[in-house]
């Protein structure tokens, strides 16, 4: 996807490339790593992210082909301004569903703990987009745990899972659980993450290298 690149963004990329060596990374991996560093001004993301070039290629191709983009919270969707997203966290049905029991423990997706609104939104979205969607979790570890459970049950078959939830409770554990699956994925090892970082990963797949 072509877009105009502001001179400030171009200069920012030149600076980050002087501070973080990304030259040896595959194309889509480099795009994602650099976009996240650009968004956070933190070169430490270079070594925190766990990437798979094949998975990122598949995700980029899915988006280029118009695949559904599903997010756990509206803040992630708001950060992806050039592509429509499905986010059902605020749907009345999600509030109703959140009152029922469901397995959403980030460390153990088989344990019954009750659904959060974010996890309920993911379960609702699975009914609308069972095949080939790009799923982006940038806030709630419980939403990632629910997505893993749905995938393991065969309810959803994602083109890519971007799992970058944030928090001291369950975030690192839910991302570790994602890495134990065979799902095409992007994650990071630490507890940090967030909506801006998750949106940056999507934008990297949409826009590619701004200096190319």
N, C-alpha and C. Protein backbone atom coordinates (compact mmCIF):
# COMPACT_ATOMS: atom_id res chain seq x y z
N UNK A 1 0.85 -1.18 0.00
CA UNK A 1 0.00 0.00 0.00
C UNK A 1 0.90 1.25 0.00
N UNK A 2 0.75 2.08 -1.03
CA UNK A 2 1.57 3.28 -1.14
C UNK A 2 0.93 4.43 -0.37
N UNK A 3 1.76 5.24 0.25
CA UNK A 3 1.28 6.41 0.97
C UNK A 3 2.38 7.45 0.98
N UNK A 4 1.99 8.71 1.23
CA UNK A 4 2.97 9.78 1.33
C UNK A 4 3.71 9.65 2.66
N UNK A 5 5.02 9.81 2.62
CA UNK A 5 5.85 9.71 3.82
C UNK A 5 6.31 11.11 4.21
N UNK A 6 5.97 11.52 5.42
CA UNK A 6 6.35 12.85 5.92
C UNK A 6 7.86 12.90 6.13
N UNK A 7 8.49 14.04 5.86
CA UNK A 7 9.94 14.15 6.08
C UNK A 7 10.38 13.80 7.50
N UNK A 8 9.54 14.08 8.51
CA UNK A 8 9.91 13.75 9.88
C UNK A 8 9.98 12.23 10.04
N UNK A 9 9.03 11.53 9.45
CA UNK A 9 9.05 10.06 9.52
C UNK A 9 10.29 9.51 8.82
N UNK A 10 10.60 10.06 7.65
CA UNK A 10 11.78 9.59 6.92
C UNK A 10 13.05 9.82 7.73
N UNK A 11 13.17 10.97 8.36
CA UNK A 11 14.35 11.25 9.17
C UNK A 11 14.40 10.35 10.41
N UNK A 12 13.22 10.08 10.98
CA UNK A 12 13.15 9.18 12.13
C UNK A 12 13.67 7.79 11.77
N UNK A 13 13.30 7.32 10.59
CA UNK A 13 13.78 6.01 10.15
C UNK A 13 15.29 6.01 9.94
N UNK A 14 15.82 7.08 9.43
CA UNK A 14 17.28 7.14 9.25
C UNK A 14 18.00 7.10 10.60
N UNK A 15 17.42 7.78 11.58
CA UNK A 15 18.03 7.77 12.92
C UNK A 15 17.94 6.39 13.54
N UNK A 16 16.77 5.75 13.48
CA UNK A 16 16.61 4.44 14.12
C UNK A 16 17.51 3.41 13.46
N UNK A 17 17.75 3.53 12.16
CA UNK A 17 18.63 2.58 11.49
C UNK A 17 20.09 2.78 11.89
N UNK A 18 20.40 3.97 12.36
CA UNK A 18 21.74 4.20 12.88
C UNK A 18 21.90 3.64 14.29
N UNK A 19 20.78 3.50 15.00
CA UNK A 19 20.82 3.03 16.39
C UNK A 19 20.54 1.54 16.52
N UNK A 20 19.81 0.96 15.58
CA UNK A 20 19.45 -0.45 15.65
C UNK A 20 19.77 -1.10 14.32
N UNK A 21 20.62 -2.11 14.32
CA UNK A 21 21.01 -2.78 13.09
C UNK A 21 19.93 -3.77 12.68
N UNK A 22 19.23 -3.43 11.62
CA UNK A 22 18.17 -4.30 11.10
C UNK A 22 18.50 -4.80 9.70
N UNK A 23 19.70 -4.57 9.24
CA UNK A 23 20.04 -4.86 7.85
C UNK A 23 19.99 -6.35 7.52
N UNK A 24 20.23 -7.20 8.51
CA UNK A 24 20.24 -8.63 8.24
C UNK A 24 18.90 -9.31 8.34
N UNK A 25 17.85 -8.55 8.65
CA UNK A 25 16.53 -9.14 8.83
C UNK A 25 15.81 -9.33 7.49
N UNK A 26 15.01 -10.39 7.36
CA UNK A 26 14.19 -10.53 6.14
C UNK A 26 13.23 -9.36 5.99
N UNK A 27 12.72 -9.19 4.79
CA UNK A 27 11.97 -7.98 4.43
C UNK A 27 10.83 -7.66 5.39
N UNK A 28 9.86 -8.57 5.56
CA UNK A 28 8.70 -8.26 6.38
C UNK A 28 9.05 -8.19 7.86
N UNK A 29 9.99 -9.01 8.28
CA UNK A 29 10.46 -8.93 9.66
C UNK A 29 11.08 -7.57 9.92
N UNK A 30 11.90 -7.11 9.00
CA UNK A 30 12.52 -5.80 9.17
C UNK A 30 11.46 -4.70 9.20
N UNK A 31 10.47 -4.79 8.32
CA UNK A 31 9.41 -3.79 8.32
C UNK A 31 8.72 -3.71 9.67
N UNK A 32 8.39 -4.87 10.25
CA UNK A 32 7.68 -4.91 11.52
C UNK A 32 8.57 -4.40 12.66
N UNK A 33 9.79 -4.89 12.72
CA UNK A 33 10.70 -4.47 13.78
C UNK A 33 10.93 -2.96 13.73
N UNK A 34 11.17 -2.45 12.55
CA UNK A 34 11.45 -1.01 12.43
C UNK A 34 10.22 -0.16 12.74
N UNK A 35 9.05 -0.60 12.29
CA UNK A 35 7.85 0.19 12.55
C UNK A 35 7.56 0.24 14.05
N UNK A 36 7.80 -0.84 14.76
CA UNK A 36 7.57 -0.85 16.20
C UNK A 36 8.61 0.01 16.92
N UNK A 37 9.86 -0.09 16.50
CA UNK A 37 10.89 0.79 17.08
C UNK A 37 10.55 2.25 16.81
N UNK A 38 10.12 2.55 15.60
CA UNK A 38 9.74 3.92 15.24
C UNK A 38 8.60 4.42 16.12
N UNK A 39 7.63 3.55 16.40
CA UNK A 39 6.46 3.93 17.18
C UNK A 39 6.80 4.17 18.65
N UNK A 40 7.77 3.40 19.17
CA UNK A 40 8.08 3.45 20.60
C UNK A 40 9.36 4.20 20.94
N UNK A 41 10.18 4.51 19.91
CA UNK A 41 11.52 5.08 20.13
C UNK A 41 12.34 4.20 21.06
N UNK A 42 12.18 2.90 20.91
CA UNK A 42 12.86 1.94 21.79
C UNK A 42 13.50 0.84 20.95
N UNK A 43 14.82 0.91 20.70
CA UNK A 43 15.50 -0.12 19.93
C UNK A 43 15.49 -1.49 20.60
N UNK A 44 15.14 -1.54 21.88
CA UNK A 44 15.10 -2.81 22.59
C UNK A 44 14.11 -3.80 22.01
N UNK A 45 13.15 -3.30 21.25
CA UNK A 45 12.19 -4.21 20.61
C UNK A 45 12.87 -5.14 19.61
N UNK A 46 14.02 -4.75 19.12
CA UNK A 46 14.75 -5.57 18.14
C UNK A 46 14.97 -6.98 18.66
N UNK A 47 15.29 -7.11 19.94
CA UNK A 47 15.60 -8.41 20.51
C UNK A 47 14.45 -9.01 21.31
N UNK A 48 13.38 -8.25 21.51
CA UNK A 48 12.24 -8.75 22.28
C UNK A 48 11.22 -9.46 21.38
N UNK A 49 11.10 -9.02 20.15
CA UNK A 49 10.11 -9.60 19.26
C UNK A 49 10.49 -11.01 18.84
N UNK A 50 9.49 -11.85 18.69
CA UNK A 50 9.67 -13.21 18.17
C UNK A 50 8.93 -13.26 16.84
N UNK A 51 9.67 -13.32 15.75
CA UNK A 51 9.09 -13.19 14.42
C UNK A 51 9.26 -14.47 13.61
N UNK A 52 8.42 -14.61 12.61
CA UNK A 52 8.50 -15.70 11.64
C UNK A 52 8.22 -15.09 10.28
N UNK A 53 9.22 -15.04 9.43
CA UNK A 53 9.07 -14.35 8.15
C UNK A 53 7.95 -14.95 7.33
N UNK A 54 7.84 -16.26 7.30
CA UNK A 54 6.77 -16.89 6.53
C UNK A 54 5.40 -16.50 7.01
N UNK A 55 5.22 -16.41 8.32
CA UNK A 55 3.94 -16.01 8.88
C UNK A 55 3.62 -14.56 8.52
N UNK A 56 4.64 -13.70 8.57
CA UNK A 56 4.42 -12.29 8.22
C UNK A 56 4.11 -12.13 6.74
N UNK A 57 4.77 -12.90 5.90
CA UNK A 57 4.46 -12.87 4.47
C UNK A 57 3.01 -13.27 4.24
N UNK A 58 2.56 -14.32 4.93
CA UNK A 58 1.18 -14.77 4.78
C UNK A 58 0.21 -13.70 5.28
N UNK A 59 0.54 -13.05 6.38
CA UNK A 59 -0.33 -12.00 6.89
C UNK A 59 -0.42 -10.81 5.96
N UNK A 60 0.72 -10.41 5.41
CA UNK A 60 0.72 -9.29 4.46
C UNK A 60 -0.09 -9.63 3.22
N UNK A 61 0.04 -10.87 2.73
CA UNK A 61 -0.71 -11.30 1.56
C UNK A 61 -2.21 -11.33 1.85
N UNK A 62 -2.56 -11.77 3.05
CA UNK A 62 -3.98 -11.80 3.43
C UNK A 62 -4.57 -10.40 3.43
N UNK A 63 -3.85 -9.45 4.02
CA UNK A 63 -4.33 -8.07 4.04
C UNK A 63 -4.41 -7.48 2.63
N UNK A 64 -3.42 -7.79 1.82
CA UNK A 64 -3.44 -7.29 0.43
C UNK A 64 -4.62 -7.85 -0.34
N UNK A 65 -5.08 -9.03 0.07
CA UNK A 65 -6.23 -9.64 -0.58
C UNK A 65 -7.56 -9.29 0.04
N UNK A 66 -7.55 -8.39 1.04
CA UNK A 66 -8.79 -7.93 1.64
C UNK A 66 -9.31 -8.78 2.78
N UNK A 67 -8.44 -9.55 3.43
CA UNK A 67 -8.87 -10.39 4.55
C UNK A 67 -9.40 -9.55 5.69
N UNK A 68 -10.23 -10.15 6.51
CA UNK A 68 -10.74 -9.46 7.70
C UNK A 68 -9.61 -9.20 8.68
N UNK A 69 -9.67 -8.05 9.32
CA UNK A 69 -8.74 -7.67 10.38
C UNK A 69 -9.55 -7.56 11.66
N UNK A 70 -9.21 -8.39 12.66
CA UNK A 70 -9.97 -8.43 13.90
C UNK A 70 -9.07 -7.99 15.05
N UNK A 71 -9.54 -7.07 15.87
CA UNK A 71 -8.75 -6.57 17.00
C UNK A 71 -9.50 -6.80 18.31
N UNK A 72 -8.72 -6.84 19.39
CA UNK A 72 -9.35 -7.07 20.70
C UNK A 72 -9.93 -5.80 21.30
N UNK A 73 -9.35 -4.65 20.97
CA UNK A 73 -9.85 -3.39 21.52
C UNK A 73 -9.88 -2.32 20.44
N UNK A 74 -10.70 -1.29 20.67
CA UNK A 74 -10.86 -0.24 19.67
C UNK A 74 -9.59 0.58 19.49
N UNK A 75 -8.74 0.64 20.51
CA UNK A 75 -7.50 1.41 20.38
C UNK A 75 -6.58 0.83 19.32
N UNK A 76 -6.56 -0.49 19.18
CA UNK A 76 -5.77 -1.10 18.11
C UNK A 76 -6.36 -0.73 16.75
N UNK A 77 -7.67 -0.87 16.62
CA UNK A 77 -8.33 -0.54 15.36
C UNK A 77 -8.10 0.92 14.99
N UNK A 78 -8.12 1.81 15.99
CA UNK A 78 -7.92 3.24 15.72
C UNK A 78 -6.53 3.53 15.20
N UNK A 79 -5.56 2.69 15.55
CA UNK A 79 -4.20 2.90 15.09
C UNK A 79 -3.94 2.43 13.67
N UNK A 80 -4.91 1.71 13.11
CA UNK A 80 -4.79 1.23 11.73
C UNK A 80 -5.79 2.02 10.91
N UNK A 81 -5.37 3.18 10.44
CA UNK A 81 -6.32 4.12 9.84
C UNK A 81 -6.67 3.81 8.39
N UNK A 82 -5.86 3.00 7.72
CA UNK A 82 -6.06 2.78 6.29
C UNK A 82 -6.69 1.43 5.98
N UNK A 83 -7.21 0.75 7.00
CA UNK A 83 -7.78 -0.58 6.76
C UNK A 83 -8.91 -0.81 7.75
N UNK A 84 -10.06 -1.28 7.30
CA UNK A 84 -11.18 -1.49 8.23
C UNK A 84 -10.92 -2.66 9.16
N UNK A 85 -11.41 -2.54 10.39
CA UNK A 85 -11.20 -3.59 11.38
C UNK A 85 -12.51 -3.94 12.06
N UNK A 86 -12.59 -5.19 12.48
CA UNK A 86 -13.71 -5.66 13.30
C UNK A 86 -13.27 -5.68 14.76
N UNK A 87 -14.00 -4.99 15.62
CA UNK A 87 -13.74 -5.03 17.05
C UNK A 87 -15.08 -5.05 17.76
N UNK A 88 -15.35 -6.13 18.47
CA UNK A 88 -16.67 -6.32 19.07
C UNK A 88 -16.66 -6.20 20.59
N UNK A 89 -15.58 -5.62 21.15
CA UNK A 89 -15.50 -5.52 22.60
C UNK A 89 -16.64 -4.69 23.18
N UNK A 90 -17.14 -3.71 22.42
CA UNK A 90 -18.21 -2.84 22.92
C UNK A 90 -19.59 -3.31 22.50
N UNK A 91 -19.68 -4.43 21.80
CA UNK A 91 -20.99 -4.92 21.37
C UNK A 91 -21.82 -5.37 22.56
N UNK A 92 -23.12 -5.09 22.57
CA UNK A 92 -23.96 -5.54 23.67
C UNK A 92 -23.89 -7.06 23.87
N UNK A 93 -23.73 -7.79 22.77
CA UNK A 93 -23.64 -9.25 22.88
C UNK A 93 -22.40 -9.67 23.66
N UNK A 94 -21.33 -8.88 23.56
CA UNK A 94 -20.11 -9.19 24.31
C UNK A 94 -20.35 -9.03 25.80
N UNK A 95 -21.09 -8.01 26.18
CA UNK A 95 -21.41 -7.82 27.60
C UNK A 95 -22.22 -8.99 28.13
N UNK A 96 -23.18 -9.45 27.32
CA UNK A 96 -23.99 -10.59 27.74
C UNK A 96 -23.15 -11.86 27.84
N UNK A 97 -22.29 -12.06 26.85
CA UNK A 97 -21.46 -13.26 26.83
C UNK A 97 -20.45 -13.25 27.97
N UNK A 98 -19.98 -12.08 28.34
CA UNK A 98 -18.99 -11.97 29.42
C UNK A 98 -19.55 -12.41 30.77
N UNK A 99 -20.88 -12.48 30.87
CA UNK A 99 -21.48 -12.91 32.13
C UNK A 99 -21.48 -14.44 32.26
N UNK A 100 -21.14 -15.13 31.17
CA UNK A 100 -21.11 -16.60 31.20
C UNK A 100 -19.70 -17.08 31.47
N UNK A 101 -19.57 -18.32 31.89
CA UNK A 101 -18.25 -18.89 32.16
C UNK A 101 -17.56 -19.23 30.85
N UNK A 102 -16.23 -19.13 30.85
CA UNK A 102 -15.47 -19.49 29.67
C UNK A 102 -14.01 -19.59 29.99
N UNK A 103 -13.26 -20.40 29.26
CA UNK A 103 -11.83 -20.60 29.55
C UNK A 103 -10.98 -19.49 28.97
N UNK A 104 -10.51 -18.58 29.82
CA UNK A 104 -9.72 -17.45 29.32
C UNK A 104 -8.47 -17.18 30.15
N UNK A 105 -8.05 -18.13 30.98
CA UNK A 105 -6.84 -17.94 31.77
C UNK A 105 -5.65 -17.80 30.83
N UNK A 106 -4.92 -16.67 30.82
CA UNK A 106 -3.82 -16.49 29.87
C UNK A 106 -2.74 -17.56 29.99
N UNK A 107 -2.52 -18.07 31.19
CA UNK A 107 -1.47 -19.08 31.38
C UNK A 107 -1.96 -20.48 31.07
N UNK A 108 -3.28 -20.69 31.13
CA UNK A 108 -3.85 -22.02 30.90
C UNK A 108 -5.21 -21.86 30.23
N UNK A 109 -5.26 -21.85 28.88
CA UNK A 109 -6.52 -21.61 28.18
C UNK A 109 -7.58 -22.68 28.41
N UNK A 110 -7.27 -23.77 29.11
CA UNK A 110 -8.27 -24.80 29.38
C UNK A 110 -8.99 -24.57 30.70
N UNK A 111 -8.54 -23.60 31.49
CA UNK A 111 -9.11 -23.39 32.83
C UNK A 111 -10.29 -22.42 32.79
N UNK A 112 -11.39 -22.79 33.41
CA UNK A 112 -12.58 -21.95 33.45
C UNK A 112 -12.38 -20.77 34.40
N UNK A 113 -12.48 -19.56 33.89
CA UNK A 113 -12.30 -18.38 34.73
C UNK A 113 -13.37 -17.32 34.51
N UNK A 114 -14.19 -17.47 33.48
CA UNK A 114 -15.15 -16.43 33.13
C UNK A 114 -14.58 -15.53 32.05
N UNK A 115 -15.43 -15.05 31.17
CA UNK A 115 -14.99 -14.25 30.03
C UNK A 115 -14.87 -12.78 30.38
N UNK A 116 -13.77 -12.15 29.97
CA UNK A 116 -13.68 -10.70 29.99
C UNK A 116 -14.41 -10.17 28.76
N UNK A 117 -14.65 -8.86 28.73
CA UNK A 117 -15.31 -8.28 27.56
C UNK A 117 -14.46 -8.47 26.31
N UNK A 118 -13.13 -8.30 26.44
CA UNK A 118 -12.26 -8.46 25.28
C UNK A 118 -12.31 -9.89 24.76
N UNK A 119 -12.27 -10.86 25.67
CA UNK A 119 -12.34 -12.26 25.26
C UNK A 119 -13.69 -12.59 24.64
N UNK A 120 -14.74 -12.01 25.20
CA UNK A 120 -16.07 -12.22 24.64
C UNK A 120 -16.17 -11.66 23.22
N UNK A 121 -15.56 -10.49 23.01
CA UNK A 121 -15.55 -9.91 21.67
C UNK A 121 -14.82 -10.80 20.67
N UNK A 122 -13.74 -11.42 21.12
CA UNK A 122 -13.00 -12.34 20.24
C UNK A 122 -13.86 -13.55 19.91
N UNK A 123 -14.57 -14.08 20.90
CA UNK A 123 -15.42 -15.24 20.64
C UNK A 123 -16.53 -14.89 19.66
N UNK A 124 -17.12 -13.71 19.80
CA UNK A 124 -18.15 -13.28 18.86
C UNK A 124 -17.57 -13.12 17.45
N UNK A 125 -16.40 -12.52 17.35
CA UNK A 125 -15.79 -12.29 16.04
C UNK A 125 -15.44 -13.60 15.35
N UNK A 126 -15.14 -14.62 16.13
CA UNK A 126 -14.81 -15.92 15.54
C UNK A 126 -15.98 -16.47 14.73
N UNK A 127 -17.19 -16.17 15.16
CA UNK A 127 -18.35 -16.62 14.41
C UNK A 127 -18.51 -15.90 13.09
N UNK A 128 -17.98 -14.70 13.00
CA UNK A 128 -18.08 -13.91 11.77
C UNK A 128 -16.91 -14.15 10.83
N UNK A 129 -15.75 -14.44 11.39
CA UNK A 129 -14.54 -14.56 10.58
C UNK A 129 -13.76 -15.83 10.95
N UNK A 130 -14.32 -16.98 10.64
CA UNK A 130 -13.65 -18.22 11.05
C UNK A 130 -12.38 -18.54 10.25
N UNK A 131 -12.31 -18.07 9.02
CA UNK A 131 -11.20 -18.47 8.15
C UNK A 131 -10.44 -17.27 7.58
N UNK A 132 -9.10 -17.32 7.69
CA UNK A 132 -8.25 -16.42 6.94
C UNK A 132 -8.13 -15.01 7.43
N UNK A 133 -8.62 -14.71 8.62
CA UNK A 133 -8.51 -13.35 9.14
C UNK A 133 -7.14 -13.12 9.77
N UNK A 134 -6.77 -11.85 9.89
CA UNK A 134 -5.60 -11.44 10.66
C UNK A 134 -6.12 -10.97 12.00
N UNK A 135 -5.69 -11.63 13.08
CA UNK A 135 -6.16 -11.36 14.43
C UNK A 135 -5.08 -10.59 15.18
N UNK A 136 -5.47 -9.48 15.80
CA UNK A 136 -4.51 -8.60 16.45
C UNK A 136 -4.92 -8.37 17.90
N UNK A 137 -4.11 -8.86 18.81
CA UNK A 137 -4.36 -8.69 20.24
C UNK A 137 -3.30 -7.74 20.78
N UNK A 138 -3.74 -6.54 21.16
CA UNK A 138 -2.79 -5.53 21.62
C UNK A 138 -3.05 -5.03 23.02
N UNK A 139 -3.98 -5.66 23.72
CA UNK A 139 -4.30 -5.17 25.06
C UNK A 139 -4.50 -6.30 26.07
N UNK A 140 -5.42 -7.22 25.78
CA UNK A 140 -5.90 -8.15 26.80
C UNK A 140 -5.30 -9.54 26.65
N UNK A 141 -4.52 -10.00 27.63
CA UNK A 141 -4.05 -11.38 27.60
C UNK A 141 -5.19 -12.39 27.56
N UNK A 142 -6.31 -12.07 28.18
CA UNK A 142 -7.45 -12.99 28.16
C UNK A 142 -8.00 -13.16 26.74
N UNK A 143 -7.94 -12.09 25.93
CA UNK A 143 -8.39 -12.19 24.55
C UNK A 143 -7.48 -13.11 23.75
N UNK A 144 -6.18 -13.04 24.00
CA UNK A 144 -5.25 -13.93 23.30
C UNK A 144 -5.48 -15.37 23.74
N UNK A 145 -5.70 -15.59 25.04
CA UNK A 145 -5.97 -16.94 25.53
C UNK A 145 -7.23 -17.51 24.89
N UNK A 146 -8.26 -16.69 24.75
CA UNK A 146 -9.49 -17.15 24.12
C UNK A 146 -9.27 -17.47 22.65
N UNK A 147 -8.50 -16.66 21.95
CA UNK A 147 -8.21 -16.93 20.55
C UNK A 147 -7.45 -18.24 20.39
N UNK A 148 -6.49 -18.48 21.27
CA UNK A 148 -5.75 -19.75 21.23
C UNK A 148 -6.71 -20.91 21.43
N UNK A 149 -7.61 -20.79 22.40
CA UNK A 149 -8.57 -21.86 22.66
C UNK A 149 -9.44 -22.13 21.44
N UNK A 150 -9.92 -21.07 20.82
CA UNK A 150 -10.77 -21.22 19.64
C UNK A 150 -10.01 -21.87 18.48
N UNK A 151 -8.76 -21.49 18.32
CA UNK A 151 -7.95 -22.08 17.24
C UNK A 151 -7.69 -23.55 17.51
N UNK A 152 -7.40 -23.89 18.74
CA UNK A 152 -7.12 -25.29 19.07
C UNK A 152 -8.38 -26.14 18.94
N UNK A 153 -9.54 -25.53 19.09
CA UNK A 153 -10.81 -26.24 18.91
C UNK A 153 -11.21 -26.32 17.44
N UNK A 154 -10.46 -25.65 16.57
CA UNK A 154 -10.78 -25.65 15.15
C UNK A 154 -11.86 -24.67 14.75
N UNK A 155 -12.21 -23.76 15.66
CA UNK A 155 -13.26 -22.78 15.38
C UNK A 155 -12.77 -21.67 14.46
N UNK A 156 -11.50 -21.29 14.61
CA UNK A 156 -10.91 -20.27 13.75
C UNK A 156 -9.61 -20.80 13.15
N UNK A 157 -9.34 -20.32 11.95
CA UNK A 157 -8.11 -20.68 11.24
C UNK A 157 -7.49 -19.38 10.74
N UNK A 158 -6.67 -18.74 11.57
CA UNK A 158 -6.14 -17.41 11.23
C UNK A 158 -5.09 -17.46 10.13
N UNK A 159 -5.03 -16.36 9.36
CA UNK A 159 -3.90 -16.17 8.45
C UNK A 159 -2.68 -15.73 9.23
N UNK A 160 -2.90 -14.98 10.31
CA UNK A 160 -1.82 -14.50 11.17
C UNK A 160 -2.41 -14.08 12.50
N UNK A 161 -1.68 -14.37 13.58
CA UNK A 161 -2.03 -13.86 14.91
C UNK A 161 -0.92 -12.93 15.36
N UNK A 162 -1.26 -11.67 15.57
CA UNK A 162 -0.33 -10.71 16.16
C UNK A 162 -0.68 -10.63 17.64
N UNK A 163 0.15 -11.28 18.45
CA UNK A 163 -0.13 -11.36 19.88
C UNK A 163 0.82 -10.50 20.68
N UNK A 164 0.39 -9.27 20.97
CA UNK A 164 1.23 -8.31 21.68
C UNK A 164 0.47 -7.64 22.84
N UNK A 165 -0.24 -8.44 23.66
CA UNK A 165 -0.92 -7.84 24.81
C UNK A 165 0.09 -7.34 25.84
N UNK A 166 -0.38 -6.47 26.71
CA UNK A 166 0.49 -5.82 27.68
C UNK A 166 -0.03 -6.05 29.09
N UNK A 167 0.87 -6.10 30.07
CA UNK A 167 0.43 -6.15 31.45
C UNK A 167 1.27 -7.07 32.31
N UNK A 168 1.17 -6.86 33.62
CA UNK A 168 1.92 -7.68 34.56
C UNK A 168 1.24 -9.02 34.84
N UNK A 169 -0.07 -9.10 34.55
CA UNK A 169 -0.80 -10.34 34.83
C UNK A 169 -1.16 -11.03 33.52
N UNK A 170 -0.44 -12.08 33.22
CA UNK A 170 -0.83 -12.94 32.11
C UNK A 170 -0.31 -12.58 30.73
N UNK A 171 0.28 -11.40 30.55
CA UNK A 171 0.69 -10.99 29.21
C UNK A 171 1.82 -11.88 28.68
N UNK A 172 2.91 -11.96 29.43
CA UNK A 172 4.03 -12.80 28.97
C UNK A 172 3.60 -14.25 28.86
N UNK A 173 2.77 -14.70 29.80
CA UNK A 173 2.32 -16.10 29.79
C UNK A 173 1.45 -16.40 28.57
N UNK A 174 0.55 -15.50 28.22
CA UNK A 174 -0.32 -15.73 27.07
C UNK A 174 0.49 -15.76 25.77
N UNK A 175 1.52 -14.93 25.70
CA UNK A 175 2.36 -14.93 24.50
C UNK A 175 3.21 -16.19 24.43
N UNK A 176 3.66 -16.68 25.57
CA UNK A 176 4.38 -17.96 25.60
C UNK A 176 3.45 -19.09 25.16
N UNK A 177 2.19 -19.03 25.57
CA UNK A 177 1.21 -20.04 25.15
C UNK A 177 1.00 -19.99 23.65
N UNK A 178 0.96 -18.79 23.08
CA UNK A 178 0.83 -18.65 21.63
C UNK A 178 2.01 -19.31 20.93
N UNK A 179 3.21 -19.10 21.44
CA UNK A 179 4.40 -19.66 20.80
C UNK A 179 4.44 -21.19 20.87
N UNK A 180 3.71 -21.76 21.79
CA UNK A 180 3.65 -23.22 21.87
C UNK A 180 2.69 -23.81 20.84
N UNK A 181 1.94 -22.99 20.15
CA UNK A 181 1.02 -23.47 19.12
C UNK A 181 1.72 -23.44 17.77
N UNK A 182 1.04 -24.00 16.77
CA UNK A 182 1.54 -23.97 15.40
C UNK A 182 0.93 -22.83 14.60
N UNK A 183 0.25 -21.91 15.27
CA UNK A 183 -0.39 -20.80 14.56
C UNK A 183 0.65 -19.88 13.93
N UNK A 184 0.38 -19.33 12.74
CA UNK A 184 1.25 -18.29 12.17
C UNK A 184 1.17 -17.06 13.06
N UNK A 185 2.31 -16.55 13.50
CA UNK A 185 2.23 -15.61 14.61
C UNK A 185 3.39 -14.63 14.67
N UNK A 186 3.13 -13.55 15.40
CA UNK A 186 4.12 -12.57 15.84
C UNK A 186 3.86 -12.33 17.32
N UNK A 187 4.91 -12.35 18.13
CA UNK A 187 4.75 -12.07 19.55
C UNK A 187 6.02 -11.42 20.08
N UNK A 188 6.06 -11.22 21.39
CA UNK A 188 7.29 -10.79 22.05
C UNK A 188 7.40 -11.50 23.38
N UNK A 189 8.61 -11.52 23.93
CA UNK A 189 8.86 -12.34 25.12
C UNK A 189 8.45 -11.66 26.41
N UNK A 190 8.54 -10.36 26.49
CA UNK A 190 8.32 -9.66 27.76
C UNK A 190 6.85 -9.35 27.99
N UNK A 191 6.56 -8.73 29.13
CA UNK A 191 5.18 -8.36 29.47
C UNK A 191 4.73 -7.09 28.74
N UNK A 192 5.65 -6.37 28.12
CA UNK A 192 5.24 -5.14 27.44
C UNK A 192 4.55 -5.45 26.12
N UNK A 193 3.88 -4.46 25.59
CA UNK A 193 3.12 -4.58 24.36
C UNK A 193 2.21 -3.38 24.26
N UNK A 194 0.97 -3.58 23.84
CA UNK A 194 0.02 -2.48 23.82
C UNK A 194 -0.58 -2.21 22.47
N UNK A 195 -1.62 -1.38 22.48
CA UNK A 195 -2.37 -1.10 21.27
C UNK A 195 -1.51 -0.43 20.19
N UNK A 196 -0.69 0.53 20.59
CA UNK A 196 0.13 1.24 19.61
C UNK A 196 1.13 0.31 18.94
N UNK A 197 1.70 -0.61 19.73
CA UNK A 197 2.67 -1.55 19.19
C UNK A 197 1.99 -2.54 18.24
N UNK A 198 0.83 -3.05 18.64
CA UNK A 198 0.10 -3.99 17.79
C UNK A 198 -0.34 -3.33 16.49
N UNK A 199 -0.83 -2.09 16.58
CA UNK A 199 -1.22 -1.37 15.37
C UNK A 199 -0.01 -1.12 14.47
N UNK A 200 1.13 -0.84 15.07
CA UNK A 200 2.35 -0.61 14.29
C UNK A 200 2.71 -1.85 13.49
N UNK A 201 2.54 -3.03 14.08
CA UNK A 201 2.85 -4.26 13.36
C UNK A 201 1.95 -4.41 12.14
N UNK A 202 0.67 -4.10 12.29
CA UNK A 202 -0.25 -4.17 11.16
C UNK A 202 0.14 -3.15 10.10
N UNK A 203 0.42 -1.93 10.52
CA UNK A 203 0.80 -0.89 9.56
C UNK A 203 2.07 -1.27 8.80
N UNK A 204 2.99 -1.95 9.46
CA UNK A 204 4.20 -2.39 8.78
C UNK A 204 3.87 -3.36 7.65
N UNK A 205 2.93 -4.24 7.89
CA UNK A 205 2.51 -5.20 6.85
C UNK A 205 1.76 -4.51 5.72
N UNK A 206 1.07 -3.44 6.04
CA UNK A 206 0.32 -2.70 5.02
C UNK A 206 1.21 -1.80 4.18
N UNK A 207 2.18 -1.11 4.83
CA UNK A 207 2.94 -0.05 4.17
C UNK A 207 4.34 -0.50 3.71
N UNK A 208 4.93 -1.45 4.41
CA UNK A 208 6.30 -1.84 4.08
C UNK A 208 7.30 -0.79 4.49
N UNK A 209 8.40 -0.74 3.79
CA UNK A 209 9.52 0.17 4.08
C UNK A 209 9.18 1.57 3.59
N UNK A 210 9.07 2.56 4.49
CA UNK A 210 8.72 3.91 4.03
C UNK A 210 9.80 4.59 3.22
N UNK A 211 11.03 4.08 3.29
CA UNK A 211 12.13 4.71 2.55
C UNK A 211 12.43 4.00 1.24
N UNK A 212 11.69 2.96 0.94
CA UNK A 212 11.95 2.19 -0.29
C UNK A 212 11.44 2.96 -1.51
